[in-house]
Amino acid sequence: MEELRDIGIKISTLPEDKKFHRLVKKIFEQRVQSFETGEGIDWGTAEALACSTLIKEGYKVRISGQDVERGTFSHRHAHVFYQDTDGYYNPINNVFNDPNARNMIASNSHLSEFSVCGYELGYS
């Protein structure tokens, strides 16, 4: 449980030197609180924890589909976009102190199940 709590807090803590949307910051603050108390862990947080533990075990995780970076209704937050500059922060990729690792890839695609299947199967 202690290891899960440590990973959970790391994936739920945004860097203080970057500017994020205030509502997104609030979501991440609630995530930290849920790991500190052990209560109120939501679907998106549990999903991020599951991906992080797989990465810790040596697996790579890749998801693709429409709006998977943010997540439908903004639950996932695999990419958290900066408010004052281009780019984004990927909380899961920044957990294990390897800045070159891309162990979690969230790749948005067009709204088409055929295009997603084609992308996953390697067709252009």
Protein backbone atom coordinates (compact mmCIF):
# COMPACT_ATOMS: atom_id res chain seq x y z
CA MET A 1 0.00 0.00 0.00
CA GLU A 2 2.86 2.37 0.80
CA GLU A 3 4.38 1.88 -2.65
CA LEU A 4 1.01 2.55 -4.32
CA ARG A 5 0.55 5.68 -2.23
CA ASP A 6 4.05 6.95 -3.16
CA ILE A 7 3.48 6.36 -6.88
CA GLY A 8 0.00 7.88 -6.64
CA ILE A 9 1.27 11.06 -5.05
CA LYS A 10 4.04 11.38 -7.66
CA ILE A 11 1.65 11.02 -10.61
CA SER A 12 -0.76 13.47 -8.98
CA THR A 13 1.71 16.26 -8.24
CA LEU A 14 2.16 18.91 -10.93
CA PRO A 15 5.44 20.83 -11.19
CA GLU A 16 5.23 24.12 -9.32
CA ASP A 17 7.35 26.03 -11.84
CA LYS A 18 4.78 25.59 -14.65
CA LYS A 19 1.41 27.23 -15.16
CA PHE A 20 -1.64 24.96 -15.52
CA HIS A 21 -5.35 25.69 -15.77
CA ARG A 22 -6.82 26.33 -12.31
CA LEU A 23 -9.47 23.59 -12.66
CA VAL A 24 -6.88 21.03 -13.71
CA LYS A 25 -4.70 22.02 -10.74
CA LYS A 26 -7.70 21.47 -8.48
CA ILE A 27 -8.26 17.99 -9.90
CA PHE A 28 -4.63 17.08 -9.26
CA GLU A 29 -4.77 18.48 -5.73
CA GLN A 30 -7.81 16.29 -5.08
CA ARG A 31 -5.90 13.30 -6.43
CA VAL A 32 -3.03 13.92 -4.01
CA GLN A 33 -5.53 14.19 -1.17
CA SER A 34 -7.19 10.92 -2.18
CA PHE A 35 -3.84 9.12 -1.94
CA GLU A 36 -3.02 10.74 1.38
CA THR A 37 -6.37 9.71 2.90
CA GLY A 38 -6.94 6.50 0.93
CA GLU A 39 -10.46 7.64 0.04
CA GLY A 40 -12.14 9.00 -3.09
CA ILE A 41 -9.84 7.59 -5.74
CA ASP A 42 -11.69 8.16 -9.02
CA TRP A 43 -11.58 6.24 -12.30
CA GLY A 44 -8.97 8.45 -14.00
CA THR A 45 -6.69 8.33 -10.98
CA ALA A 46 -6.98 4.55 -10.72
CA GLU A 47 -6.21 4.24 -14.43
CA ALA A 48 -3.09 6.41 -14.07
CA LEU A 49 -1.98 4.33 -11.09
CA ALA A 50 -2.49 1.11 -13.05
CA CYS A 51 -0.42 2.42 -15.99
CA SER A 52 2.31 3.62 -13.62
CA THR A 53 2.61 0.29 -11.84
CA LEU A 54 2.85 -1.51 -15.20
CA ILE A 55 5.66 0.85 -16.22
CA LYS A 56 7.39 0.25 -12.88
CA GLU A 57 7.30 -3.48 -13.67
CA GLY A 58 9.06 -2.82 -17.00
CA TYR A 59 6.14 -2.66 -19.43
CA LYS A 60 5.46 0.14 -21.89
CA VAL A 61 1.91 1.50 -22.09
CA ARG A 62 0.34 2.98 -25.21
CA ILE A 63 -3.24 4.08 -25.69
CA SER A 64 -4.77 5.58 -28.81
CA GLY A 65 -8.17 6.86 -29.81
CA GLN A 66 -10.21 10.02 -29.87
CA ASP A 67 -9.15 12.41 -27.11
CA VAL A 68 -7.16 9.85 -25.09
CA GLU A 69 -4.63 12.45 -23.97
CA ARG A 70 -7.23 14.34 -21.99
CA GLY A 71 -9.81 11.60 -21.65
CA THR A 72 -13.50 11.79 -22.37
CA PHE A 73 -15.05 14.35 -20.06
CA SER A 74 -11.50 15.23 -18.99
CA HIS A 75 -10.91 12.33 -16.60
CA ARG A 76 -7.55 10.99 -17.77
CA HIS A 77 -5.11 13.90 -18.04
CA ALA A 78 -2.33 11.80 -19.56
CA HIS A 79 -1.13 15.11 -21.01
CA VAL A 80 -1.58 18.27 -18.98
CA PHE A 81 -1.13 21.29 -21.22
CA TYR A 82 0.72 24.39 -20.07
CA GLN A 83 -1.24 27.63 -19.99
CA ASP A 84 1.57 30.07 -20.76
CA THR A 85 3.71 28.21 -23.29
CA ASP A 86 3.47 25.44 -25.88
CA GLY A 87 3.78 21.90 -24.69
CA TYR A 88 2.47 19.63 -22.02
CA TYR A 89 3.45 17.68 -18.94
CA ASN A 90 3.00 13.91 -18.85
CA PRO A 91 2.69 12.99 -15.16
CA ILE A 92 3.22 9.26 -15.65
CA ASN A 93 6.42 9.64 -17.70
CA ASN A 94 7.92 11.85 -15.03
CA VAL A 95 7.54 9.42 -12.13
CA PHE A 96 10.59 7.23 -12.49
CA ASN A 97 13.30 9.90 -12.96
CA ASP A 98 14.21 9.06 -16.54
CA PRO A 99 13.67 12.18 -18.69
CA ASN A 100 14.38 10.27 -21.91
CA ALA A 101 11.89 7.47 -21.27
CA ARG A 102 8.59 7.53 -23.10
CA ASN A 103 7.03 4.63 -21.31
CA MET A 104 3.49 6.05 -21.50
CA ILE A 105 2.30 7.12 -24.92
CA ALA A 106 -1.16 8.60 -25.33
CA SER A 107 -1.85 9.24 -28.99
CA ASN A 108 -4.99 11.06 -30.12
CA SER A 109 -6.55 9.87 -33.38
CA HIS A 110 -9.44 10.91 -35.58
CA LEU A 111 -12.99 9.97 -34.64
CA SER A 112 -13.08 6.74 -36.57
CA GLU A 113 -12.83 3.20 -35.26
CA PHE A 114 -11.42 2.14 -38.64
CA SER A 115 -8.60 4.67 -38.42
CA VAL A 116 -7.76 3.55 -34.89
CA CYS A 117 -7.69 -0.10 -35.94
CA GLY A 118 -5.57 0.79 -39.00
CA TYR A 119 -3.16 2.81 -36.86
CA GLU A 120 -2.82 0.00 -34.34
CA LEU A 121 -2.21 -2.52 -37.12
CA GLY A 122 0.42 -0.33 -38.80
CA TYR A 123 -1.48 0.81 -41.89
CA SER A 124 -1.02 4.37 -43.11
